[in-house]
Amino acid sequence: MIIEIDGYHHTTPEGAARDAERDGWFAAEGYRVLRIPEKHVRDDLRAVVERIAAETAPPPSPTLPPSREQGEPRYLVR
């Protein structure tokens, strides 16, 4: 993951176009870009850190199928 703190120039049409091109290249190389406006860093650093932590956390484990009741035999043995 690439974390980029974006300043004002990223909000211009030219800056947004450059970012889109770079993001596309990074994605093709297997990277994900997380863009955070610098204003958010100045105004609410805690929220920024929480967002980064959430974005980098491993995905939850898959849910296992419901189990049968305990003690229920798997096979009928005769």
C-alpha atoms as a PDB file:
ATOM      1  CA  MET A   1       0.000   0.000   0.000  1.00  0.00           C
ATOM      2  CA  ILE A   2       1.156   3.483  -0.830  1.00  0.00           C
ATOM      3  CA  ILE A   3      -0.088   6.265   1.416  1.00  0.00           C
ATOM      4  CA  GLU A   4       0.015   9.704  -0.151  1.00  0.00           C
ATOM      5  CA  ILE A   5      -0.748  12.940   1.624  1.00  0.00           C
ATOM      6  CA  ASP A   6      -2.158  15.204  -1.070  1.00  0.00           C
ATOM      7  CA  GLY A   7      -1.786  18.961  -1.096  1.00  0.00           C
ATOM      8  CA  TYR A   8      -3.841  21.508  -2.984  1.00  0.00           C
ATOM      9  CA  HIS A   9      -2.279  20.833  -6.406  1.00  0.00           C
ATOM     10  CA  HIS A  10      -3.855  17.365  -6.375  1.00  0.00           C
ATOM     11  CA  THR A  11      -7.312  18.983  -6.520  1.00  0.00           C
ATOM     12  CA  THR A  12      -6.628  20.728  -9.840  1.00  0.00           C
ATOM     13  CA  PRO A  13      -7.711  18.989 -13.051  1.00  0.00           C
ATOM     14  CA  GLU A  14      -4.064  18.569 -14.076  1.00  0.00           C
ATOM     15  CA  GLY A  15      -3.088  17.181 -10.683  1.00  0.00           C
ATOM     16  CA  ALA A  16      -6.044  14.807 -10.619  1.00  0.00           C
ATOM     17  CA  ALA A  17      -5.116  13.555 -14.121  1.00  0.00           C
ATOM     18  CA  ARG A  18      -1.502  12.932 -13.067  1.00  0.00           C
ATOM     19  CA  ASP A  19      -2.696  11.134  -9.938  1.00  0.00           C
ATOM     20  CA  ALA A  20      -5.040   8.923 -11.957  1.00  0.00           C
ATOM     21  CA  GLU A  21      -2.212   7.989 -14.313  1.00  0.00           C
ATOM     22  CA  ARG A  22       0.167   7.206 -11.445  1.00  0.00           C
ATOM     23  CA  ASP A  23      -2.523   5.279  -9.559  1.00  0.00           C
ATOM     24  CA  GLY A  24      -3.146   3.199 -12.672  1.00  0.00           C
ATOM     25  CA  TRP A  25       0.549   2.386 -12.969  1.00  0.00           C
ATOM     26  CA  PHE A  26       0.782   1.475  -9.294  1.00  0.00           C
ATOM     27  CA  ALA A  27      -2.316  -0.738  -9.569  1.00  0.00           C
ATOM     28  CA  ALA A  28      -0.793  -2.537 -12.560  1.00  0.00           C
ATOM     29  CA  GLU A  29       2.290  -3.209 -10.423  1.00  0.00           C
ATOM     30  CA  GLY A  30       0.137  -4.622  -7.604  1.00  0.00           C
ATOM     31  CA  TYR A  31       0.034  -1.589  -5.308  1.00  0.00           C
ATOM     32  CA  ARG A  32      -2.942   0.171  -3.792  1.00  0.00           C
ATOM     33  CA  VAL A  33      -2.839   3.936  -3.226  1.00  0.00           C
ATOM     34  CA  LEU A  34      -4.530   5.553  -0.262  1.00  0.00           C
ATOM     35  CA  ARG A  35      -4.818   9.303  -0.803  1.00  0.00           C
ATOM     36  CA  ILE A  36      -5.381  11.540   2.185  1.00  0.00           C
ATOM     37  CA  PRO A  37      -5.821  15.312   1.867  1.00  0.00           C
ATOM     38  CA  GLU A  38      -3.212  17.182   3.922  1.00  0.00           C
ATOM     39  CA  LYS A  39      -6.039  19.183   5.498  1.00  0.00           C
ATOM     40  CA  HIS A  40      -7.312  15.982   7.128  1.00  0.00           C
ATOM     41  CA  VAL A  41      -3.853  15.345   8.580  1.00  0.00           C
ATOM     42  CA  ARG A  42      -3.774  18.835  10.075  1.00  0.00           C
ATOM     43  CA  ASP A  43      -7.384  18.833  11.285  1.00  0.00           C
ATOM     44  CA  ASP A  44      -7.882  15.274  12.578  1.00  0.00           C
ATOM     45  CA  LEU A  45      -4.715  13.216  12.697  1.00  0.00           C
ATOM     46  CA  ARG A  46      -6.343  10.579  14.914  1.00  0.00           C
ATOM     47  CA  ALA A  47      -9.006   9.874  12.269  1.00  0.00           C
ATOM     48  CA  VAL A  48      -6.302   9.639   9.595  1.00  0.00           C
ATOM     49  CA  VAL A  49      -4.332   7.112  11.650  1.00  0.00           C
ATOM     50  CA  GLU A  50      -7.498   5.094  12.294  1.00  0.00           C
ATOM     51  CA  ARG A  51      -8.293   5.069   8.579  1.00  0.00           C
ATOM     52  CA  ILE A  52      -4.791   3.896   7.700  1.00  0.00           C
ATOM     53  CA  ALA A  53      -5.048   1.148  10.326  1.00  0.00           C
ATOM     54  CA  ALA A  54      -8.436   0.057   8.968  1.00  0.00           C
ATOM     55  CA  GLU A  55      -7.183   0.042   5.371  1.00  0.00           C
ATOM     56  CA  THR A  56      -4.119  -2.023   6.230  1.00  0.00           C
ATOM     57  CA  ALA A  57      -5.808  -4.527   8.562  1.00  0.00           C
ATOM     58  CA  PRO A  58      -5.965  -8.073   7.235  1.00  0.00           C
ATOM     59  CA  PRO A  59      -9.355  -9.157   5.914  1.00  0.00           C
ATOM     60  CA  PRO A  60     -11.563 -11.082   8.320  1.00  0.00           C
ATOM     61  CA  SER A  61     -11.370 -14.860   8.266  1.00  0.00           C
ATOM     62  CA  PRO A  62     -14.009 -16.520   6.129  1.00  0.00           C
ATOM     63  CA  THR A  63     -17.061 -17.731   7.980  1.00  0.00           C
ATOM     64  CA  LEU A  64     -17.174 -21.465   8.419  1.00  0.00           C
ATOM     65  CA  PRO A  65     -20.347 -23.305   7.437  1.00  0.00           C
ATOM     66  CA  PRO A  66     -22.737 -24.089  10.286  1.00  0.00           C
ATOM     67  CA  SER A  67     -21.694 -27.196  12.154  1.00  0.00           C
ATOM     68  CA  ARG A  68     -23.914 -30.110  13.001  1.00  0.00           C
ATOM     69  CA  GLU A  69     -24.982 -30.661  16.556  1.00  0.00           C
ATOM     70  CA  GLN A  70     -22.232 -31.974  18.774  1.00  0.00           C
ATOM     71  CA  GLY A  71     -22.231 -35.685  19.115  1.00  0.00           C
ATOM     72  CA  GLU A  72     -24.124 -36.322  15.899  1.00  0.00           C
ATOM     73  CA  PRO A  73     -22.460 -39.265  14.130  1.00  0.00           C
ATOM     74  CA  ARG A  74     -20.861 -38.483  10.821  1.00  0.00           C
ATOM     75  CA  TYR A  75     -21.423 -41.938   9.383  1.00  0.00           C
ATOM     76  CA  LEU A  76     -23.851 -44.702  10.132  1.00  0.00           C
ATOM     77  CA  VAL A  77     -21.730 -47.685  11.121  1.00  0.00           C
ATOM     78  CA  ARG A  78     -23.348 -51.112  11.165  1.00  0.00           C
END
